[in-house]
Amino acid sequence: VQNVETLLNIAAAAEGHPVTHKYVTVGGAVRTP
């Protein structure tokens, strides 16, 4: 079982790129989710 975002990180790793960034949802009681 692999998470969708993990797949993107695997693709980047295959191209020699380490994990340096993250996708984060900011939501709930915020002005602009």
Full PDB file with SEQRES, HELIX, SHEET, SSBOND, CRYST1, ORIGX, SCALE, CONECT and MASTER records, all heavy atoms in Angstrom:
SEQRES   1 A   33  VAL GLN ASN VAL GLU THR LEU LEU ASN ILE ALA ALA ALA          
SEQRES   2 A   33  ALA GLU GLY HIS PRO VAL THR HIS LYS TYR VAL THR VAL          
SEQRES   3 A   33  GLY GLY ALA VAL ARG THR PRO                                  
HELIX    1 AA1 VAL A    4  ALA A   14  1                                  11    
CRYST1    1.000    1.000    1.000  90.00  90.00  90.00 P 1           1          
ORIGX1      1.000000  0.000000  0.000000        0.00000                         
ORIGX2      0.000000  1.000000  0.000000        0.00000                         
ORIGX3      0.000000  0.000000  1.000000        0.00000                         
SCALE1      1.000000  0.000000  0.000000        0.00000                         
SCALE2      0.000000  1.000000  0.000000        0.00000                         
SCALE3      0.000000  0.000000  1.000000        0.00000                         
ATOM      1  N   VAL A   1       0.847  -1.193   0.000  1.00  0.00           N  
ATOM      2  CA  VAL A   1       0.000   0.000   0.000  1.00  0.00           C  
ATOM      3  C   VAL A   1       0.881   1.240   0.000  1.00  0.00           C  
ATOM      4  O   VAL A   1       1.747   1.389   0.867  1.00  0.00           O  
ATOM      5  CB  VAL A   1      -0.938   0.021   1.229  1.00  0.00           C  
ATOM      6  CG1 VAL A   1      -1.857   1.251   1.172  1.00  0.00           C  
ATOM      7  CG2 VAL A   1      -1.762  -1.258   1.303  1.00  0.00           C  
ATOM      8  N   GLN A   2       0.649   2.107  -0.985  1.00  0.00           N  
ATOM      9  CA  GLN A   2       1.413   3.356  -1.070  1.00  0.00           C  
ATOM     10  C   GLN A   2       0.465   4.532  -1.261  1.00  0.00           C  
ATOM     11  O   GLN A   2      -0.454   4.481  -2.079  1.00  0.00           O  
ATOM     12  CB  GLN A   2       2.397   3.315  -2.253  1.00  0.00           C  
ATOM     13  CG  GLN A   2       3.535   2.329  -2.099  1.00  0.00           C  
ATOM     14  CD  GLN A   2       4.591   2.781  -1.099  1.00  0.00           C  
ATOM     15  OE1 GLN A   2       4.395   3.746  -0.372  1.00  0.00           O  
ATOM     16  NE2 GLN A   2       5.704   2.099  -1.058  1.00  0.00           N  
ATOM     17  N   ASN A   3       0.717   5.589  -0.508  1.00  0.00           N  
ATOM     18  CA  ASN A   3      -0.028   6.829  -0.622  1.00  0.00           C  
ATOM     19  C   ASN A   3       0.295   7.532  -1.941  1.00  0.00           C  
ATOM     20  O   ASN A   3       1.387   7.379  -2.483  1.00  0.00           O  
ATOM     21  CB  ASN A   3       0.330   7.704   0.587  1.00  0.00           C  
ATOM     22  CG  ASN A   3      -0.130   9.117   0.463  1.00  0.00           C  
ATOM     23  OD1 ASN A   3       0.645   9.988   0.069  1.00  0.00           O  
ATOM     24  ND2 ASN A   3      -1.373   9.363   0.807  1.00  0.00           N  
ATOM     25  N   VAL A   4      -0.644   8.301  -2.466  1.00  0.00           N  
ATOM     26  CA  VAL A   4      -0.469   8.979  -3.760  1.00  0.00           C  
ATOM     27  C   VAL A   4       0.751   9.893  -3.755  1.00  0.00           C  
ATOM     28  O   VAL A   4       1.585   9.850  -4.671  1.00  0.00           O  
ATOM     29  CB  VAL A   4      -1.735   9.783  -4.126  1.00  0.00           C  
ATOM     30  CG1 VAL A   4      -1.480  10.663  -5.350  1.00  0.00           C  
ATOM     31  CG2 VAL A   4      -2.903   8.843  -4.391  1.00  0.00           C  
ATOM     32  N   GLU A   5       0.877  10.735  -2.736  1.00  0.00           N  
ATOM     33  CA  GLU A   5       2.019  11.657  -2.698  1.00  0.00           C  
ATOM     34  C   GLU A   5       3.337  10.903  -2.575  1.00  0.00           C  
ATOM     35  O   GLU A   5       4.358  11.328  -3.130  1.00  0.00           O  
ATOM     36  CB  GLU A   5       1.871  12.640  -1.532  1.00  0.00           C  
ATOM     37  CG  GLU A   5       2.961  13.709  -1.519  1.00  0.00           C  
ATOM     38  CD  GLU A   5       2.843  14.675  -0.366  1.00  0.00           C  
ATOM     39  OE1 GLU A   5       1.859  14.600   0.398  1.00  0.00           O  
ATOM     40  OE2 GLU A   5       3.751  15.529  -0.217  1.00  0.00           O  
ATOM     41  N   THR A   6       3.320   9.774  -1.878  1.00  0.00           N  
ATOM     42  CA  THR A   6       4.529   8.967  -1.769  1.00  0.00           C  
ATOM     43  C   THR A   6       4.991   8.516  -3.152  1.00  0.00           C  
ATOM     44  O   THR A   6       6.199   8.457  -3.419  1.00  0.00           O  
ATOM     45  CB  THR A   6       4.284   7.740  -0.869  1.00  0.00           C  
ATOM     46  OG1 THR A   6       3.736   8.181   0.382  1.00  0.00           O  
ATOM     47  CG2 THR A   6       5.584   6.992  -0.604  1.00  0.00           C  
ATOM     48  N   LEU A   7       4.047   8.206  -4.033  1.00  0.00           N  
ATOM     49  CA  LEU A   7       4.406   7.808  -5.397  1.00  0.00           C  
ATOM     50  C   LEU A   7       5.175   8.915  -6.113  1.00  0.00           C  
ATOM     51  O   LEU A   7       6.156   8.651  -6.825  1.00  0.00           O  
ATOM     52  CB  LEU A   7       3.158   7.436  -6.201  1.00  0.00           C  
ATOM     53  CG  LEU A   7       2.894   5.934  -6.347  1.00  0.00           C  
ATOM     54  CD1 LEU A   7       2.585   5.319  -4.990  1.00  0.00           C  
ATOM     55  CD2 LEU A   7       1.763   5.658  -7.334  1.00  0.00           C  
ATOM     56  N   LEU A   8       4.748  10.155  -5.929  1.00  0.00           N  
ATOM     57  CA  LEU A   8       5.467  11.270  -6.549  1.00  0.00           C  
ATOM     58  C   LEU A   8       6.885  11.377  -5.996  1.00  0.00           C  
ATOM     59  O   LEU A   8       7.836  11.678  -6.734  1.00  0.00           O  
ATOM     60  CB  LEU A   8       4.723  12.586  -6.317  1.00  0.00           C  
ATOM     61  CG  LEU A   8       3.471  12.845  -7.154  1.00  0.00           C  
ATOM     62  CD1 LEU A   8       2.904  14.216  -6.834  1.00  0.00           C  
ATOM     63  CD2 LEU A   8       3.767  12.737  -8.650  1.00  0.00           C  
ATOM     64  N   ASN A   9       7.043  11.139  -4.704  1.00  0.00           N  
ATOM     65  CA  ASN A   9       8.379  11.182  -4.096  1.00  0.00           C  
ATOM     66  C   ASN A   9       9.251  10.039  -4.599  1.00  0.00           C  
ATOM     67  O   ASN A   9      10.467  10.191  -4.734  1.00  0.00           O  
ATOM     68  CB  ASN A   9       8.266  11.144  -2.577  1.00  0.00           C  
ATOM     69  CG  ASN A   9       7.685  12.428  -2.005  1.00  0.00           C  
ATOM     70  OD1 ASN A   9       7.775  13.494  -2.613  1.00  0.00           O  
ATOM     71  ND2 ASN A   9       7.069  12.337  -0.839  1.00  0.00           N  
ATOM     72  N   ILE A  10       8.641   8.885  -4.877  1.00  0.00           N  
ATOM     73  CA  ILE A  10       9.381   7.763  -5.450  1.00  0.00           C  
ATOM     74  C   ILE A  10       9.845   8.119  -6.857  1.00  0.00           C  
ATOM     75  O   ILE A  10      10.989   7.832  -7.242  1.00  0.00           O  
ATOM     76  CB  ILE A  10       8.510   6.485  -5.464  1.00  0.00           C  
ATOM     77  CG1 ILE A  10       8.228   6.021  -4.033  1.00  0.00           C  
ATOM     78  CG2 ILE A  10       9.181   5.372  -6.258  1.00  0.00           C  
ATOM     79  CD1 ILE A  10       7.209   4.898  -3.934  1.00  0.00           C  
ATOM     80  N   ALA A  11       8.982   8.760  -7.624  1.00  0.00           N  
ATOM     81  CA  ALA A  11       9.347   9.185  -8.980  1.00  0.00           C  
ATOM     82  C   ALA A  11      10.516  10.167  -8.943  1.00  0.00           C  
ATOM     83  O   ALA A  11      11.448  10.081  -9.752  1.00  0.00           O  
ATOM     84  CB  ALA A  11       8.142   9.816  -9.674  1.00  0.00           C  
ATOM     85  N   ALA A  12      10.475  11.092  -7.995  1.00  0.00           N  
ATOM     86  CA  ALA A  12      11.567  12.064  -7.859  1.00  0.00           C  
ATOM     87  C   ALA A  12      12.853  11.365  -7.437  1.00  0.00           C  
ATOM     88  O   ALA A  12      13.946  11.702  -7.913  1.00  0.00           O  
ATOM     89  CB  ALA A  12      11.183  13.140  -6.856  1.00  0.00           C  
ATOM     90  N   ALA A  13      12.739  10.386  -6.529  1.00  0.00           N  
ATOM     91  CA  ALA A  13      13.913   9.643  -6.061  1.00  0.00           C  
ATOM     92  C   ALA A  13      14.581   8.907  -7.215  1.00  0.00           C  
ATOM     93  O   ALA A  13      15.809   8.824  -7.286  1.00  0.00           O  
ATOM     94  CB  ALA A  13      13.508   8.668  -4.961  1.00  0.00           C  
ATOM     95  N   ALA A  14      13.783   8.361  -8.132  1.00  0.00           N  
ATOM     96  CA  ALA A  14      14.331   7.647  -9.286  1.00  0.00           C  
ATOM     97  C   ALA A  14      15.114   8.577 -10.208  1.00  0.00           C  
ATOM     98  O   ALA A  14      15.964   8.124 -10.990  1.00  0.00           O  
ATOM     99  CB  ALA A  14      13.197   6.977 -10.070  1.00  0.00           C  
ATOM    100  N   GLU A  15      14.842   9.882 -10.092  1.00  0.00           N  
ATOM    101  CA  GLU A  15      15.566  10.890 -10.880  1.00  0.00           C  
ATOM    102  C   GLU A  15      16.699  11.527 -10.079  1.00  0.00           C  
ATOM    103  O   GLU A  15      17.330  12.486 -10.529  1.00  0.00           O  
ATOM    104  CB  GLU A  15      14.582  11.961 -11.348  1.00  0.00           C  
ATOM    105  CG  GLU A  15      13.485  11.423 -12.269  1.00  0.00           C  
ATOM    106  CD  GLU A  15      12.344  12.410 -12.463  1.00  0.00           C  
ATOM    107  OE1 GLU A  15      12.335  13.459 -11.766  1.00  0.00           O  
ATOM    108  OE2 GLU A  15      11.469  12.144 -13.302  1.00  0.00           O  
ATOM    109  N   GLY A  16      16.928  11.002  -8.869  1.00  0.00           N  
ATOM    110  CA  GLY A  16      18.039  11.490  -8.056  1.00  0.00           C  
ATOM    111  C   GLY A  16      17.717  12.644  -7.138  1.00  0.00           C  
ATOM    112  O   GLY A  16      18.629  13.288  -6.599  1.00  0.00           O  
ATOM    113  N   HIS A  17      16.419  12.925  -6.918  1.00  0.00           N  
ATOM    114  CA  HIS A  17      16.036  14.065  -6.085  1.00  0.00           C  
ATOM    115  C   HIS A  17      15.573  13.607  -4.704  1.00  0.00           C  
ATOM    116  O   HIS A  17      14.674  12.767  -4.603  1.00  0.00           O  
ATOM    117  CB  HIS A  17      14.912  14.862  -6.755  1.00  0.00           C  
ATOM    118  CG  HIS A  17      15.236  15.326  -8.138  1.00  0.00           C  
ATOM    119  ND1 HIS A  17      16.333  16.115  -8.422  1.00  0.00           N  
ATOM    120  CD2 HIS A  17      14.620  15.081  -9.331  1.00  0.00           C  
ATOM    121  CE1 HIS A  17      16.378  16.363  -9.717  1.00  0.00           C  
ATOM    122  NE2 HIS A  17      15.361  15.740 -10.302  1.00  0.00           N  
ATOM    123  N   PRO A  18      16.129  14.147  -3.640  1.00  0.00           N  
ATOM    124  CA  PRO A  18      15.681  13.789  -2.285  1.00  0.00           C  
ATOM    125  C   PRO A  18      14.345  14.455  -1.950  1.00  0.00           C  
ATOM    126  O   PRO A  18      13.890  15.366  -2.657  1.00  0.00           O  
ATOM    127  CB  PRO A  18      16.803  14.336  -1.397  1.00  0.00           C  
ATOM    128  CG  PRO A  18      17.331  15.510  -2.163  1.00  0.00           C  
ATOM    129  CD  PRO A  18      17.243  15.115  -3.620  1.00  0.00           C  
ATOM    130  N   VAL A  19      13.757  14.011  -0.859  1.00  0.00           N  
ATOM    131  CA  VAL A  19      12.498  14.609  -0.414  1.00  0.00           C  
ATOM    132  C   VAL A  19      12.806  15.911   0.324  1.00  0.00           C  
ATOM    133  O   VAL A  19      13.402  15.892   1.402  1.00  0.00           O  
ATOM    134  CB  VAL A  19      11.725  13.650   0.523  1.00  0.00           C  
ATOM    135  CG1 VAL A  19      10.421  14.297   0.982  1.00  0.00           C  
ATOM    136  CG2 VAL A  19      11.434  12.337  -0.174  1.00  0.00           C  
ATOM    137  N   THR A  20      12.408  17.020  -0.268  1.00  0.00           N  
ATOM    138  CA  THR A  20      12.666  18.330   0.339  1.00  0.00           C  
ATOM    139  C   THR A  20      11.394  19.148   0.535  1.00  0.00           C  
ATOM    140  O   THR A  20      11.397  20.123   1.278  1.00  0.00           O  
ATOM    141  CB  THR A  20      13.636  19.162  -0.523  1.00  0.00           C  
ATOM    142  OG1 THR A  20      13.065  19.329  -1.835  1.00  0.00           O  
ATOM    143  CG2 THR A  20      14.991  18.463  -0.641  1.00  0.00           C  
ATOM    144  N   HIS A  21      10.303  18.763  -0.150  1.00  0.00           N  
ATOM    145  CA  HIS A  21       9.063  19.531  -0.094  1.00  0.00           C  
ATOM    146  C   HIS A  21       7.882  18.630   0.270  1.00  0.00           C  
ATOM    147  O   HIS A  21       7.952  17.417   0.143  1.00  0.00           O  
ATOM    148  CB  HIS A  21       8.779  20.221  -1.429  1.00  0.00           C  
ATOM    149  CG  HIS A  21       9.659  21.407  -1.691  1.00  0.00           C  
ATOM    150  ND1 HIS A  21      11.015  21.292  -1.919  1.00  0.00           N  
ATOM    151  CD2 HIS A  21       9.370  22.742  -1.739  1.00  0.00           C  
ATOM    152  CE1 HIS A  21      11.531  22.496  -2.108  1.00  0.00           C  
ATOM    153  NE2 HIS A  21      10.563  23.382  -2.001  1.00  0.00           N  
ATOM    154  N   LYS A  22       6.804  19.269   0.698  1.00  0.00           N  
ATOM    155  CA  LYS A  22       5.616  18.541   1.134  1.00  0.00           C  
ATOM    156  C   LYS A  22       4.357  19.261   0.672  1.00  0.00           C  
ATOM    157  O   LYS A  22       4.293  20.482   0.689  1.00  0.00           O  
ATOM    158  CB  LYS A  22       5.600  18.458   2.671  1.00  0.00           C  
ATOM    159  CG  LYS A  22       4.533  17.550   3.225  1.00  0.00           C  
ATOM    160  CD  LYS A  22       4.902  16.109   3.042  1.00  0.00           C  
ATOM    161  CE  LYS A  22       3.813  15.169   3.575  1.00  0.00           C  
ATOM    162  NZ  LYS A  22       2.571  15.194   2.801  1.00  0.00           N  
ATOM    163  N   TYR A  23       3.367  18.476   0.250  1.00  0.00           N  
ATOM    164  CA  TYR A  23       2.042  19.021  -0.051  1.00  0.00           C  
ATOM    165  C   TYR A  23       1.216  18.988   1.222  1.00  0.00           C  
ATOM    166  O   TYR A  23       1.096  17.940   1.869  1.00  0.00           O  
ATOM    167  CB  TYR A  23       1.350  18.203  -1.136  1.00  0.00           C  
ATOM    168  CG  TYR A  23       1.962  18.349  -2.511  1.00  0.00           C  
ATOM    169  CD1 TYR A  23       2.949  17.462  -2.942  1.00  0.00           C  
ATOM    170  CD2 TYR A  23       1.554  19.362  -3.374  1.00  0.00           C  
ATOM    171  CE1 TYR A  23       3.519  17.588  -4.201  1.00  0.00           C  
ATOM    172  CE2 TYR A  23       2.113  19.493  -4.648  1.00  0.00           C  
ATOM    173  CZ  TYR A  23       3.096  18.601  -5.044  1.00  0.00           C  
ATOM    174  OH  TYR A  23       3.659  18.733  -6.293  1.00  0.00           O  
ATOM    175  N   VAL A  24       0.641  20.130   1.597  1.00  0.00           N  
ATOM    176  CA  VAL A  24      -0.121  20.227   2.844  1.00  0.00           C  
ATOM    177  C   VAL A  24      -1.427  20.979   2.583  1.00  0.00           C  
ATOM    178  O   VAL A  24      -1.409  22.096   2.052  1.00  0.00           O  
ATOM    179  CB  VAL A  24       0.671  20.969   3.944  1.00  0.00           C  
ATOM    180  CG1 VAL A  24      -0.137  21.023   5.239  1.00  0.00           C  
ATOM    181  CG2 VAL A  24       2.016  20.298   4.187  1.00  0.00           C  
ATOM    182  N   THR A  25      -2.541  20.368   2.952  1.00  0.00           N  
ATOM    183  CA  THR A  25      -3.829  21.064   2.903  1.00  0.00           C  
ATOM    184  C   THR A  25      -3.992  21.883   4.175  1.00  0.00           C  
ATOM    185  O   THR A  25      -3.893  21.339   5.271  1.00  0.00           O  
ATOM    186  CB  THR A  25      -4.997  20.069   2.793  1.00  0.00           C  
ATOM    187  OG1 THR A  25      -4.938  19.404   1.535  1.00  0.00           O  
ATOM    188  CG2 THR A  25      -6.337  20.788   2.893  1.00  0.00           C  
ATOM    189  N   VAL A  26      -4.234  23.173   4.026  1.00  0.00           N  
ATOM    190  CA  VAL A  26      -4.571  24.024   5.170  1.00  0.00           C  
ATOM    191  C   VAL A  26      -6.071  24.285   5.060  1.00  0.00           C  
ATOM    192  O   VAL A  26      -6.538  24.901   4.099  1.00  0.00           O  
ATOM    193  CB  VAL A  26      -3.785  25.350   5.154  1.00  0.00           C  
ATOM    194  CG1 VAL A  26      -4.099  26.167   6.410  1.00  0.00           C  
ATOM    195  CG2 VAL A  26      -2.291  25.083   5.060  1.00  0.00           C  
ATOM    196  N   GLY A  27      -6.825  23.762   6.016  1.00  0.00           N  
ATOM    197  CA  GLY A  27      -8.277  23.835   5.890  1.00  0.00           C  
ATOM    198  C   GLY A  27      -8.981  24.001   7.213  1.00  0.00           C  
ATOM    199  O   GLY A  27      -8.364  24.277   8.250  1.00  0.00           O  
ATOM    200  N   GLY A  28     -10.298  23.817   7.166  1.00  0.00           N  
ATOM    201  CA  GLY A  28     -11.111  24.030   8.354  1.00  0.00           C  
ATOM    202  C   GLY A  28     -11.516  25.486   8.465  1.00  0.00           C  
ATOM    203  O   GLY A  28     -11.870  26.127   7.463  1.00  0.00           O  
ATOM    204  N   ALA A  29     -11.415  26.040   9.652  1.00  0.00           N  
ATOM    205  CA  ALA A  29     -11.845  27.416   9.909  1.00  0.00           C  
ATOM    206  C   ALA A  29     -10.750  28.409   9.551  1.00  0.00           C  
ATOM    207  O   ALA A  29     -10.237  29.154  10.397  1.00  0.00           O  
ATOM    208  CB  ALA A  29     -12.263  27.564  11.371  1.00  0.00           C  
ATOM    209  N   VAL A  30     -10.348  28.406   8.264  1.00  0.00           N  
ATOM    210  CA  VAL A  30      -9.365  29.372   7.760  1.00  0.00           C  
ATOM    211  C   VAL A  30     -10.011  30.181   6.634  1.00  0.00           C  
ATOM    212  O   VAL A  30     -10.989  29.753   6.021  1.00  0.00           O  
ATOM    213  CB  VAL A  30      -8.079  28.680   7.251  1.00  0.00           C  
ATOM    214  CG1 VAL A  30      -7.381  27.962   8.391  1.00  0.00           C  
ATOM    215  CG2 VAL A  30      -8.389  27.711   6.115  1.00  0.00           C  
ATOM    216  N   ARG A  31      -9.440  31.335   6.355  1.00  0.00           N  
ATOM    217  CA  ARG A  31     -10.053  32.237   5.379  1.00  0.00           C  
ATOM    218  C   ARG A  31     -10.045  31.667   3.968  1.00  0.00           C  
ATOM    219  O   ARG A  31     -11.022  31.748   3.238  1.00  0.00           O  
ATOM    220  CB  ARG A  31      -9.330  33.594   5.407  1.00  0.00           C  
ATOM    221  CG  ARG A  31     -10.095  34.714   4.702  1.00  0.00           C  
ATOM    222  CD  ARG A  31      -9.491  36.069   5.040  1.00  0.00           C  
ATOM    223  NE  ARG A  31      -9.420  36.281   6.488  1.00  0.00           N  
ATOM    224  CZ  ARG A  31     -10.450  36.629   7.234  1.00  0.00           C  
ATOM    225  NH1 ARG A  31     -11.643  36.810   6.683  1.00  0.00           N  
ATOM    226  NH2 ARG A  31     -10.303  36.816   8.538  1.00  0.00           N  
ATOM    227  N   THR A  32      -8.934  31.072   3.566  1.00  0.00           N  
ATOM    228  CA  THR A  32      -8.820  30.536   2.207  1.00  0.00           C  
ATOM    229  C   THR A  32      -8.236  29.127   2.252  1.00  0.00           C  
ATOM    230  O   THR A  32      -7.013  28.954   2.171  1.00  0.00           O  
ATOM    231  CB  THR A  32      -7.917  31.436   1.332  1.00  0.00           C  
ATOM    232  OG1 THR A  32      -8.322  32.801   1.451  1.00  0.00           O  
ATOM    233  CG2 THR A  32      -7.989  31.007  -0.132  1.00  0.00           C  
ATOM    234  N   PRO A  33      -9.087  28.112   2.390  1.00  0.00           N  
ATOM    235  CA  PRO A  33      -8.564  26.734   2.407  1.00  0.00           C  
ATOM    236  C   PRO A  33      -7.805  26.435   1.113  1.00  0.00           C  
ATOM    237  O   PRO A  33      -8.308  26.646   0.016  1.00  0.00           O  
ATOM    238  CB  PRO A  33      -9.835  25.881   2.509  1.00  0.00           C  
ATOM    239  CG  PRO A  33     -10.852  26.789   3.137  1.00  0.00           C  
ATOM    240  CD  PRO A  33     -10.544  28.153   2.583  1.00  0.00           C  
TER     241      PRO A  33                                                      
MASTER        0    0    0    1    0    0    0    6  240    1    0    3          
END                                                                             
